């Protein structure tokens, strides 16, 4: 049987990128999707905002403190859902075995794929190209033989990343990763692991 070929596609700064795409005045500027008022929270941040340390789930007040130039825009969930559907239409050109994680990321099993392309990395490259050409948005992709490694691979070279972790490289690749880069390990879990000497 063929080695499984799993692709993880992750849209780069999805909500903020859609807003920058649709409003030229926002391009190249630090943008946060969310509400600027005192109790507001950042739902998504552009890469320009992330350079200042702005992150999703951060309070709007803190975000404005660390990035005074930050521009807040209200989210348009109906638009994001529509764009997400267009992205999934591209996925379906290659496989119907799709596991969405959220509007902006999904796993694709392309072990057996509709065009009959041999290498998963070639499919990932085509999907990234079609998303850019048709939707004017940027995605990162990771390719491996299971979901855990494909997810780690897609995060490895963001934004606009493409990374493959081959079976022969997997153990060495993981051995060099800090534990906080593992999928599902957040700051609290990482802290506990560090206290146990796991880094």
N, C-alpha and C. Protein backbone atom coordinates (compact mmCIF):
# COMPACT_ATOMS: atom_id res chain seq x y z
N UNK A 1 0.84 -1.20 0.00
CA UNK A 1 0.00 0.00 0.00
C UNK A 1 0.88 1.25 0.00
N UNK A 2 0.41 2.29 -0.70
CA UNK A 2 1.15 3.54 -0.75
C UNK A 2 1.26 4.17 0.64
N UNK A 3 2.38 4.86 0.88
CA UNK A 3 2.51 5.70 2.08
C UNK A 3 1.42 6.76 2.03
N UNK A 4 0.79 6.99 3.18
CA UNK A 4 -0.26 8.02 3.20
C UNK A 4 0.35 9.39 2.88
N UNK A 5 -0.44 10.20 2.17
CA UNK A 5 -0.01 11.55 1.84
C UNK A 5 -1.06 12.51 2.40
N UNK A 6 -0.68 13.21 3.46
CA UNK A 6 -1.58 14.15 4.13
C UNK A 6 -1.04 15.57 3.93
N UNK A 7 -1.93 16.46 3.54
CA UNK A 7 -1.58 17.88 3.39
C UNK A 7 -2.37 18.67 4.43
N UNK A 8 -1.69 19.58 5.12
CA UNK A 8 -2.39 20.55 5.97
C UNK A 8 -2.25 21.92 5.32
N UNK A 9 -3.40 22.51 5.00
CA UNK A 9 -3.42 23.86 4.42
C UNK A 9 -3.87 24.83 5.51
N UNK A 10 -3.11 25.89 5.69
CA UNK A 10 -3.41 26.90 6.71
C UNK A 10 -3.31 28.27 6.05
N UNK A 11 -4.43 28.98 6.00
CA UNK A 11 -4.42 30.31 5.40
C UNK A 11 -3.66 31.27 6.30
N UNK A 12 -2.81 32.11 5.71
CA UNK A 12 -1.98 33.03 6.48
C UNK A 12 -2.79 34.27 6.89
N UNK A 13 -2.92 34.47 8.22
CA UNK A 13 -3.63 35.64 8.77
C UNK A 13 -4.96 35.84 8.03
N UNK A 14 -5.79 34.80 8.01
CA UNK A 14 -6.92 34.71 7.07
C UNK A 14 -7.87 35.91 7.13
N UNK A 15 -8.49 36.16 8.29
CA UNK A 15 -9.48 37.25 8.36
C UNK A 15 -8.83 38.59 7.99
N UNK A 16 -7.66 38.85 8.58
CA UNK A 16 -6.98 40.13 8.31
C UNK A 16 -6.57 40.23 6.85
N UNK A 17 -6.14 39.12 6.26
CA UNK A 17 -5.72 39.14 4.84
C UNK A 17 -6.90 39.41 3.92
N UNK A 18 -8.07 38.86 4.26
CA UNK A 18 -9.27 39.14 3.45
C UNK A 18 -9.59 40.64 3.52
N UNK A 19 -9.48 41.22 4.72
CA UNK A 19 -9.76 42.65 4.86
C UNK A 19 -8.75 43.49 4.08
N UNK A 20 -7.48 43.10 4.11
CA UNK A 20 -6.47 43.84 3.35
C UNK A 20 -6.67 43.67 1.85
N UNK A 21 -7.09 42.49 1.45
CA UNK A 21 -7.36 42.25 0.02
C UNK A 21 -8.50 43.14 -0.46
N UNK A 22 -9.54 43.25 0.35
CA UNK A 22 -10.75 43.96 -0.08
C UNK A 22 -10.67 45.47 0.13
N UNK A 23 -9.71 45.93 0.92
CA UNK A 23 -9.56 47.37 1.16
C UNK A 23 -8.09 47.75 0.97
N UNK A 24 -7.76 48.29 -0.21
CA UNK A 24 -6.35 48.60 -0.53
C UNK A 24 -5.69 49.51 0.50
N UNK A 25 -6.48 50.35 1.20
CA UNK A 25 -5.90 51.27 2.18
C UNK A 25 -5.29 50.52 3.37
N UNK A 26 -5.68 49.27 3.56
CA UNK A 26 -5.18 48.50 4.70
C UNK A 26 -3.91 47.71 4.38
N UNK A 27 -3.57 47.64 3.12
CA UNK A 27 -2.44 46.80 2.71
C UNK A 27 -1.12 47.35 3.24
N UNK A 28 -0.31 46.45 3.79
CA UNK A 28 0.98 46.85 4.32
C UNK A 28 0.90 47.53 5.68
N UNK A 29 -0.30 47.59 6.26
CA UNK A 29 -0.46 48.28 7.55
C UNK A 29 -0.88 47.27 8.63
N UNK A 30 -0.60 47.58 9.90
CA UNK A 30 -0.99 46.67 10.98
C UNK A 30 -2.51 46.70 11.18
N UNK A 31 -3.14 45.56 10.98
CA UNK A 31 -4.61 45.46 11.02
C UNK A 31 -5.01 44.41 12.04
N UNK A 32 -6.04 44.72 12.82
CA UNK A 32 -6.64 43.74 13.72
C UNK A 32 -8.12 43.63 13.40
N UNK A 33 -8.60 42.41 13.27
CA UNK A 33 -10.05 42.19 13.13
C UNK A 33 -10.59 42.02 14.54
N UNK A 34 -11.57 42.85 14.88
CA UNK A 34 -12.13 42.82 16.23
C UNK A 34 -12.67 44.18 16.60
N UNK A 35 -12.92 44.35 17.89
CA UNK A 35 -13.50 45.61 18.38
C UNK A 35 -12.47 46.35 19.22
N UNK A 36 -12.39 47.66 18.98
CA UNK A 36 -11.35 48.46 19.62
C UNK A 36 -11.73 48.89 21.03
N UNK A 37 -12.99 48.71 21.43
CA UNK A 37 -13.40 49.25 22.73
C UNK A 37 -12.72 48.54 23.89
N UNK A 38 -12.95 49.04 25.10
CA UNK A 38 -12.18 48.62 26.27
C UNK A 38 -12.23 47.12 26.50
N UNK A 39 -13.40 46.51 26.29
CA UNK A 39 -13.52 45.07 26.55
C UNK A 39 -13.33 44.23 25.29
N UNK A 40 -12.92 44.88 24.21
CA UNK A 40 -12.76 44.17 22.94
C UNK A 40 -11.58 43.22 22.95
N UNK A 41 -11.62 42.30 21.99
CA UNK A 41 -10.57 41.29 21.85
C UNK A 41 -10.18 41.21 20.38
N UNK A 42 -8.90 40.96 20.13
CA UNK A 42 -8.41 40.78 18.76
C UNK A 42 -8.81 39.39 18.27
N UNK A 43 -9.57 39.32 17.17
CA UNK A 43 -9.95 38.03 16.60
C UNK A 43 -8.87 37.52 15.65
N UNK A 44 -8.19 38.44 14.98
CA UNK A 44 -7.12 38.07 14.04
C UNK A 44 -6.24 39.30 13.82
N UNK A 45 -4.96 39.04 13.52
CA UNK A 45 -4.01 40.14 13.31
C UNK A 45 -3.23 39.90 12.03
N UNK A 46 -3.00 40.97 11.29
CA UNK A 46 -2.17 40.87 10.08
C UNK A 46 -0.72 40.63 10.48
N UNK A 47 0.09 40.20 9.52
CA UNK A 47 1.51 39.97 9.84
C UNK A 47 2.21 41.26 10.22
N UNK A 48 1.75 42.38 9.66
CA UNK A 48 2.34 43.67 10.04
C UNK A 48 2.08 43.96 11.52
N UNK A 49 0.90 43.58 12.02
CA UNK A 49 0.58 43.77 13.44
C UNK A 49 1.31 42.76 14.31
N UNK A 50 1.48 41.54 13.79
CA UNK A 50 2.15 40.49 14.58
C UNK A 50 3.60 40.85 14.87
N UNK A 51 4.20 41.64 14.00
CA UNK A 51 5.59 42.05 14.24
C UNK A 51 5.73 42.86 15.53
N UNK A 52 4.64 43.51 15.94
CA UNK A 52 4.65 44.27 17.19
C UNK A 52 4.29 43.38 18.39
N UNK A 53 3.89 42.14 18.11
CA UNK A 53 3.48 41.25 19.20
C UNK A 53 1.98 41.12 19.34
N UNK A 54 1.21 41.73 18.44
CA UNK A 54 -0.26 41.60 18.49
C UNK A 54 -0.65 40.18 18.10
N UNK A 55 -1.52 39.56 18.88
CA UNK A 55 -1.94 38.18 18.65
C UNK A 55 -3.45 38.05 18.80
N UNK A 56 -4.02 37.02 18.18
CA UNK A 56 -5.45 36.76 18.38
C UNK A 56 -5.68 36.41 19.85
N UNK A 57 -6.87 36.76 20.33
CA UNK A 57 -7.31 36.56 21.72
C UNK A 57 -6.69 37.57 22.69
N UNK A 58 -5.85 38.46 22.19
CA UNK A 58 -5.29 39.54 23.04
C UNK A 58 -6.35 40.62 23.24
N UNK A 59 -6.34 41.25 24.40
CA UNK A 59 -7.28 42.35 24.63
C UNK A 59 -6.94 43.50 23.68
N UNK A 60 -7.98 44.17 23.22
CA UNK A 60 -7.78 45.29 22.28
C UNK A 60 -6.95 46.39 22.91
N UNK A 61 -7.13 46.61 24.22
CA UNK A 61 -6.37 47.66 24.90
C UNK A 61 -4.87 47.36 24.88
N UNK A 62 -4.52 46.13 25.17
CA UNK A 62 -3.10 45.75 25.15
C UNK A 62 -2.55 45.87 23.72
N UNK A 63 -3.35 45.42 22.74
CA UNK A 63 -2.91 45.48 21.34
C UNK A 63 -2.61 46.92 20.93
N UNK A 64 -3.47 47.84 21.35
CA UNK A 64 -3.26 49.25 21.00
C UNK A 64 -2.05 49.85 21.71
N UNK A 65 -1.79 49.34 22.92
CA UNK A 65 -0.61 49.82 23.67
C UNK A 65 0.68 49.43 22.96
N UNK A 66 0.76 48.17 22.52
CA UNK A 66 2.02 47.72 21.93
C UNK A 66 2.14 48.10 20.45
N UNK A 67 1.00 48.46 19.85
CA UNK A 67 1.03 48.89 18.44
C UNK A 67 0.06 50.06 18.26
N UNK A 68 0.53 51.28 18.57
CA UNK A 68 -0.36 52.45 18.53
C UNK A 68 -0.96 52.71 17.14
N UNK A 69 -0.29 52.23 16.07
CA UNK A 69 -0.79 52.47 14.71
C UNK A 69 -1.86 51.46 14.30
N UNK A 70 -2.20 50.54 15.19
CA UNK A 70 -3.08 49.43 14.84
C UNK A 70 -4.44 49.93 14.35
N UNK A 71 -4.89 49.36 13.22
CA UNK A 71 -6.21 49.71 12.66
C UNK A 71 -7.16 48.56 12.95
N UNK A 72 -8.26 48.86 13.64
CA UNK A 72 -9.27 47.84 13.92
C UNK A 72 -10.36 47.85 12.85
N UNK A 73 -10.73 46.68 12.39
CA UNK A 73 -11.86 46.56 11.46
C UNK A 73 -12.82 45.51 12.00
N UNK A 74 -14.09 45.73 11.78
CA UNK A 74 -15.09 44.76 12.22
C UNK A 74 -15.04 43.51 11.35
N UNK A 75 -15.21 42.38 11.98
CA UNK A 75 -15.20 41.12 11.24
C UNK A 75 -16.43 40.98 10.34
N UNK A 76 -16.27 40.25 9.24
CA UNK A 76 -17.38 39.99 8.30
C UNK A 76 -17.46 38.48 8.10
N UNK A 77 -18.08 37.81 9.06
CA UNK A 77 -18.06 36.35 9.06
C UNK A 77 -18.69 35.77 7.80
N UNK A 78 -19.70 36.42 7.26
CA UNK A 78 -20.33 35.89 6.05
C UNK A 78 -19.34 35.89 4.88
N UNK A 79 -18.49 36.92 4.81
CA UNK A 79 -17.48 36.98 3.75
C UNK A 79 -16.43 35.89 3.96
N UNK A 80 -15.97 35.72 5.20
CA UNK A 80 -14.95 34.70 5.47
C UNK A 80 -15.48 33.31 5.15
N UNK A 81 -16.76 33.06 5.46
CA UNK A 81 -17.35 31.75 5.16
C UNK A 81 -17.41 31.52 3.65
N UNK A 82 -17.76 32.58 2.92
CA UNK A 82 -17.84 32.47 1.46
C UNK A 82 -16.47 32.19 0.85
N UNK A 83 -15.43 32.90 1.34
CA UNK A 83 -14.07 32.68 0.85
C UNK A 83 -13.62 31.28 1.20
N UNK A 84 -13.94 30.84 2.42
CA UNK A 84 -13.57 29.49 2.86
C UNK A 84 -14.19 28.44 1.94
N UNK A 85 -15.43 28.66 1.52
CA UNK A 85 -16.07 27.72 0.61
C UNK A 85 -15.33 27.67 -0.73
N UNK A 86 -14.88 28.82 -1.20
CA UNK A 86 -14.11 28.86 -2.46
C UNK A 86 -12.79 28.11 -2.32
N UNK A 87 -12.18 28.20 -1.14
CA UNK A 87 -10.94 27.45 -0.89
C UNK A 87 -11.23 25.95 -0.91
N UNK A 88 -12.34 25.56 -0.28
CA UNK A 88 -12.71 24.14 -0.25
C UNK A 88 -13.05 23.62 -1.66
N UNK A 89 -13.60 24.49 -2.50
CA UNK A 89 -13.85 24.08 -3.88
C UNK A 89 -12.55 23.69 -4.57
N UNK A 90 -11.47 24.42 -4.26
CA UNK A 90 -10.15 24.07 -4.81
C UNK A 90 -9.70 22.72 -4.25
N UNK A 91 -9.88 22.52 -2.94
CA UNK A 91 -9.50 21.23 -2.34
C UNK A 91 -10.18 20.06 -3.06
N UNK A 92 -11.47 20.25 -3.36
CA UNK A 92 -12.26 19.16 -3.95
C UNK A 92 -11.80 18.82 -5.37
N UNK A 93 -10.99 19.67 -5.98
CA UNK A 93 -10.42 19.33 -7.29
C UNK A 93 -9.39 18.20 -7.15
N UNK A 94 -8.94 17.97 -5.91
CA UNK A 94 -7.89 16.97 -5.67
C UNK A 94 -8.38 15.78 -4.85
N UNK A 95 -9.26 16.04 -3.87
CA UNK A 95 -9.74 14.96 -3.01
C UNK A 95 -11.05 15.36 -2.35
N UNK A 96 -11.84 14.36 -2.00
CA UNK A 96 -13.05 14.61 -1.20
C UNK A 96 -12.83 14.21 0.26
N UNK A 97 -11.62 13.73 0.57
CA UNK A 97 -11.32 13.37 1.97
C UNK A 97 -10.69 14.59 2.63
N UNK A 98 -11.56 15.44 3.17
CA UNK A 98 -11.17 16.73 3.72
C UNK A 98 -11.67 16.82 5.16
N UNK A 99 -10.80 17.21 6.06
CA UNK A 99 -11.18 17.39 7.46
C UNK A 99 -10.93 18.84 7.85
N UNK A 100 -11.99 19.66 7.83
CA UNK A 100 -11.81 21.06 8.22
C UNK A 100 -11.53 21.16 9.72
N UNK A 101 -10.63 22.07 10.08
CA UNK A 101 -10.39 22.36 11.50
C UNK A 101 -11.10 23.66 11.86
N UNK A 102 -11.11 24.59 10.94
CA UNK A 102 -11.77 25.89 11.11
C UNK A 102 -11.98 26.44 9.70
N UNK A 103 -12.45 27.68 9.61
CA UNK A 103 -12.68 28.27 8.28
C UNK A 103 -11.38 28.38 7.48
N UNK A 104 -10.25 28.49 8.19
CA UNK A 104 -9.01 28.82 7.48
C UNK A 104 -7.98 27.69 7.48
N UNK A 105 -8.36 26.49 7.92
CA UNK A 105 -7.39 25.39 7.83
C UNK A 105 -8.10 24.05 7.73
N UNK A 106 -7.42 23.12 7.07
CA UNK A 106 -8.01 21.79 6.86
C UNK A 106 -6.92 20.79 6.54
N UNK A 107 -7.22 19.52 6.82
CA UNK A 107 -6.38 18.41 6.40
C UNK A 107 -6.98 17.80 5.13
N UNK A 108 -6.11 17.40 4.21
CA UNK A 108 -6.53 16.72 2.98
C UNK A 108 -5.76 15.41 2.87
N UNK A 109 -6.48 14.32 2.66
CA UNK A 109 -5.82 13.05 2.38
C UNK A 109 -5.75 12.91 0.86
N UNK A 110 -4.54 13.01 0.32
CA UNK A 110 -4.36 12.95 -1.14
C UNK A 110 -3.59 11.69 -1.55
N UNK A 111 -3.64 10.66 -0.67
CA UNK A 111 -2.95 9.40 -0.98
C UNK A 111 -3.41 8.89 -2.35
N UNK A 112 -4.74 8.88 -2.53
CA UNK A 112 -5.33 8.65 -3.86
C UNK A 112 -6.03 9.94 -4.22
N UNK A 113 -5.59 10.62 -5.27
CA UNK A 113 -6.15 11.93 -5.60
C UNK A 113 -6.70 11.96 -7.02
N UNK A 114 -7.62 12.88 -7.27
CA UNK A 114 -8.36 12.91 -8.53
C UNK A 114 -7.49 13.10 -9.77
N UNK A 115 -6.48 13.99 -9.73
CA UNK A 115 -5.65 14.13 -10.93
C UNK A 115 -4.60 13.02 -11.08
N UNK A 116 -4.42 12.20 -10.04
CA UNK A 116 -3.42 11.14 -10.11
C UNK A 116 -2.00 11.65 -9.99
N UNK A 117 -1.81 12.72 -9.22
CA UNK A 117 -0.47 13.29 -9.03
C UNK A 117 0.28 12.46 -7.98
N UNK A 118 1.52 12.13 -8.29
CA UNK A 118 2.25 11.20 -7.43
C UNK A 118 2.70 11.82 -6.11
N UNK A 119 3.25 13.03 -6.15
CA UNK A 119 3.82 13.63 -4.95
C UNK A 119 2.87 14.60 -4.27
N UNK A 120 2.73 14.42 -2.96
CA UNK A 120 1.88 15.33 -2.18
C UNK A 120 2.34 16.77 -2.27
N UNK A 121 3.67 16.98 -2.31
CA UNK A 121 4.19 18.34 -2.36
C UNK A 121 3.77 19.05 -3.65
N UNK A 122 3.63 18.30 -4.75
CA UNK A 122 3.19 18.92 -6.00
C UNK A 122 1.73 19.36 -5.91
N UNK A 123 0.91 18.55 -5.23
CA UNK A 123 -0.49 18.95 -5.02
C UNK A 123 -0.55 20.19 -4.15
N UNK A 124 0.21 20.19 -3.06
CA UNK A 124 0.22 21.35 -2.15
C UNK A 124 0.63 22.61 -2.90
N UNK A 125 1.63 22.47 -3.76
CA UNK A 125 2.11 23.63 -4.53
C UNK A 125 1.01 24.15 -5.46
N UNK A 126 0.29 23.23 -6.10
CA UNK A 126 -0.81 23.63 -6.99
C UNK A 126 -1.93 24.32 -6.22
N UNK A 127 -2.28 23.77 -5.06
CA UNK A 127 -3.36 24.37 -4.26
C UNK A 127 -2.97 25.78 -3.83
N UNK A 128 -1.74 25.95 -3.35
CA UNK A 128 -1.28 27.29 -2.97
C UNK A 128 -1.37 28.25 -4.16
N UNK A 129 -0.95 27.78 -5.34
CA UNK A 129 -0.98 28.64 -6.53
C UNK A 129 -2.41 29.04 -6.89
N UNK A 130 -3.33 28.07 -6.85
CA UNK A 130 -4.72 28.37 -7.22
C UNK A 130 -5.38 29.32 -6.23
N UNK A 131 -5.07 29.16 -4.94
CA UNK A 131 -5.62 30.08 -3.93
C UNK A 131 -5.12 31.50 -4.20
N UNK A 132 -3.84 31.61 -4.57
CA UNK A 132 -3.29 32.94 -4.84
C UNK A 132 -3.90 33.54 -6.11
N UNK A 133 -4.00 32.72 -7.16
CA UNK A 133 -4.48 33.24 -8.45
C UNK A 133 -5.97 33.55 -8.42
N UNK A 134 -6.77 32.66 -7.82
CA UNK A 134 -8.22 32.84 -7.86
C UNK A 134 -8.76 33.76 -6.77
N UNK A 135 -8.10 33.74 -5.60
CA UNK A 135 -8.66 34.45 -4.45
C UNK A 135 -7.76 35.57 -3.94
N UNK A 136 -6.55 35.68 -4.53
CA UNK A 136 -5.60 36.71 -4.12
C UNK A 136 -5.29 36.64 -2.62
N UNK A 137 -5.11 35.41 -2.15
CA UNK A 137 -4.77 35.17 -0.74
C UNK A 137 -3.59 34.19 -0.68
N UNK A 138 -2.94 34.15 0.47
CA UNK A 138 -1.74 33.32 0.64
C UNK A 138 -2.00 32.22 1.66
N UNK A 139 -1.58 31.02 1.31
CA UNK A 139 -1.71 29.87 2.22
C UNK A 139 -0.34 29.26 2.47
N UNK A 140 -0.20 28.64 3.63
CA UNK A 140 0.96 27.80 3.91
C UNK A 140 0.51 26.35 3.88
N UNK A 141 1.43 25.45 3.50
CA UNK A 141 1.08 24.04 3.39
C UNK A 141 2.17 23.18 4.00
N UNK A 142 1.72 22.10 4.65
CA UNK A 142 2.63 21.10 5.18
C UNK A 142 2.24 19.74 4.64
N UNK A 143 3.22 18.93 4.31
CA UNK A 143 2.96 17.61 3.72
C UNK A 143 3.70 16.56 4.53
N UNK A 144 3.00 15.49 4.91
CA UNK A 144 3.67 14.38 5.57
C UNK A 144 2.76 13.16 5.51
N UNK A 145 3.09 12.14 6.33
CA UNK A 145 2.32 10.89 6.27
C UNK A 145 1.31 10.78 7.40
N UNK A 146 1.22 11.81 8.29
CA UNK A 146 0.13 11.85 9.26
C UNK A 146 -0.22 13.31 9.56
N UNK A 147 -1.34 13.50 10.24
CA UNK A 147 -1.85 14.86 10.46
C UNK A 147 -0.93 15.68 11.37
N UNK A 148 -0.44 15.05 12.42
CA UNK A 148 0.42 15.76 13.38
C UNK A 148 1.62 16.39 12.67
N UNK A 149 2.29 15.60 11.84
CA UNK A 149 3.49 16.11 11.15
C UNK A 149 3.12 17.11 10.05
N UNK A 150 2.01 16.88 9.36
CA UNK A 150 1.58 17.82 8.32
C UNK A 150 1.27 19.19 8.93
N UNK A 151 0.63 19.18 10.10
CA UNK A 151 0.31 20.43 10.80
C UNK A 151 1.58 21.16 11.21
N UNK A 152 2.53 20.42 11.80
CA UNK A 152 3.80 21.03 12.20
C UNK A 152 4.53 21.60 10.97
N UNK A 153 4.49 20.85 9.87
CA UNK A 153 5.18 21.29 8.65
C UNK A 153 4.58 22.58 8.10
N UNK A 154 3.25 22.73 8.18
CA UNK A 154 2.63 23.94 7.62
C UNK A 154 2.98 25.18 8.43
N UNK A 155 3.27 24.99 9.73
CA UNK A 155 3.66 26.12 10.58
C UNK A 155 5.14 26.48 10.44
N UNK A 156 5.90 25.59 9.85
CA UNK A 156 7.36 25.68 9.93
C UNK A 156 7.94 26.86 9.17
N UNK A 157 7.34 27.20 8.02
CA UNK A 157 7.92 28.27 7.20
C UNK A 157 6.91 29.38 6.90
N UNK A 158 5.95 29.58 7.79
CA UNK A 158 4.95 30.62 7.56
C UNK A 158 5.60 32.01 7.58
N UNK A 159 5.03 33.00 6.84
CA UNK A 159 3.90 32.86 5.91
C UNK A 159 4.36 32.36 4.54
N UNK A 160 3.38 31.95 3.75
CA UNK A 160 3.62 31.47 2.37
C UNK A 160 4.58 30.28 2.37
N UNK A 161 4.44 29.42 3.39
CA UNK A 161 5.37 28.31 3.54
C UNK A 161 4.94 27.06 2.79
N UNK A 162 5.94 26.21 2.50
CA UNK A 162 5.68 24.88 1.95
C UNK A 162 6.79 23.98 2.48
N UNK A 163 6.40 22.98 3.28
CA UNK A 163 7.40 22.12 3.93
C UNK A 163 6.90 20.68 3.88
N UNK A 164 7.80 19.77 3.55
CA UNK A 164 7.50 18.34 3.56
C UNK A 164 8.36 17.66 4.62
N UNK A 165 7.73 16.81 5.43
CA UNK A 165 8.48 15.99 6.38
C UNK A 165 8.36 14.55 5.91
N UNK A 166 9.46 14.00 5.37
CA UNK A 166 9.48 12.63 4.88
C UNK A 166 9.55 11.66 6.05
N UNK A 167 9.04 10.45 5.88
CA UNK A 167 9.09 9.45 6.96
C UNK A 167 10.51 9.25 7.51
N UNK A 168 11.49 9.26 6.65
CA UNK A 168 12.87 9.02 7.10
C UNK A 168 13.42 10.18 7.92
N UNK A 169 12.80 11.37 7.79
CA UNK A 169 13.29 12.55 8.50
C UNK A 169 12.50 12.85 9.77
N UNK A 170 11.35 12.18 9.96
CA UNK A 170 10.39 12.61 10.97
C UNK A 170 10.97 12.64 12.38
N UNK A 171 11.62 11.57 12.81
CA UNK A 171 12.11 11.51 14.19
C UNK A 171 13.16 12.58 14.44
N UNK A 172 14.08 12.78 13.49
CA UNK A 172 15.10 13.81 13.66
C UNK A 172 14.47 15.21 13.68
N UNK A 173 13.48 15.41 12.82
CA UNK A 173 12.80 16.71 12.74
C UNK A 173 12.15 17.04 14.07
N UNK A 174 11.40 16.08 14.63
CA UNK A 174 10.69 16.31 15.88
C UNK A 174 11.67 16.48 17.04
N UNK A 175 12.77 15.72 17.02
CA UNK A 175 13.75 15.80 18.12
C UNK A 175 14.32 17.21 18.27
N UNK A 176 14.38 17.96 17.16
CA UNK A 176 14.98 19.30 17.20
C UNK A 176 13.95 20.40 17.53
N UNK A 177 12.66 20.06 17.54
CA UNK A 177 11.63 21.07 17.76
C UNK A 177 11.45 21.38 19.24
N UNK A 178 11.33 22.67 19.60
CA UNK A 178 10.92 22.98 20.98
C UNK A 178 9.52 22.45 21.23
N UNK A 179 9.26 22.01 22.45
CA UNK A 179 7.99 21.37 22.77
C UNK A 179 6.80 22.30 22.51
N UNK A 180 7.02 23.62 22.64
CA UNK A 180 5.90 24.57 22.42
C UNK A 180 5.50 24.66 20.95
N UNK A 181 6.32 24.11 20.06
CA UNK A 181 5.95 24.08 18.65
C UNK A 181 5.09 22.86 18.29
N UNK A 182 4.92 21.95 19.26
CA UNK A 182 4.06 20.79 19.00
C UNK A 182 2.61 21.24 18.93
N UNK A 183 1.86 20.65 18.00
CA UNK A 183 0.45 20.96 17.85
C UNK A 183 -0.28 20.58 19.13
N UNK A 184 -1.04 21.53 19.68
CA UNK A 184 -1.82 21.26 20.88
C UNK A 184 -1.13 21.63 22.18
N UNK A 185 0.16 21.99 22.11
CA UNK A 185 0.88 22.39 23.32
C UNK A 185 0.86 23.91 23.42
N UNK A 186 0.04 24.43 24.33
CA UNK A 186 -0.05 25.87 24.55
C UNK A 186 0.89 26.29 25.66
N UNK A 187 0.84 27.58 26.03
CA UNK A 187 1.77 28.11 27.04
C UNK A 187 1.68 27.38 28.39
N UNK A 188 0.46 27.03 28.83
CA UNK A 188 0.30 26.37 30.14
C UNK A 188 0.93 24.98 30.11
N UNK A 189 0.59 24.20 29.07
CA UNK A 189 1.17 22.85 28.95
C UNK A 189 2.68 22.92 28.78
N UNK A 190 3.14 23.88 27.99
CA UNK A 190 4.59 24.03 27.79
C UNK A 190 5.29 24.31 29.11
N UNK A 191 4.68 25.18 29.93
CA UNK A 191 5.25 25.50 31.25
C UNK A 191 5.36 24.26 32.12
N UNK A 192 4.30 23.43 32.11
CA UNK A 192 4.33 22.20 32.90
C UNK A 192 5.42 21.25 32.41
N UNK A 193 5.54 21.16 31.09
CA UNK A 193 6.56 20.27 30.53
C UNK A 193 7.96 20.76 30.85
N UNK A 194 8.17 22.08 30.78
CA UNK A 194 9.47 22.65 31.13
C UNK A 194 9.82 22.32 32.58
N UNK A 195 8.79 22.38 33.47
CA UNK A 195 9.04 22.10 34.88
C UNK A 195 9.44 20.64 35.10
N UNK A 196 9.06 19.77 34.14
CA UNK A 196 9.44 18.36 34.23
C UNK A 196 10.74 18.07 33.46
N UNK A 197 11.35 19.14 32.93
CA UNK A 197 12.60 18.96 32.21
C UNK A 197 12.42 18.57 30.76
N UNK A 198 11.20 18.74 30.25
CA UNK A 198 10.93 18.42 28.83
C UNK A 198 10.93 19.72 28.03
N UNK A 199 11.86 19.82 27.12
CA UNK A 199 11.98 21.05 26.33
C UNK A 199 11.87 20.81 24.84
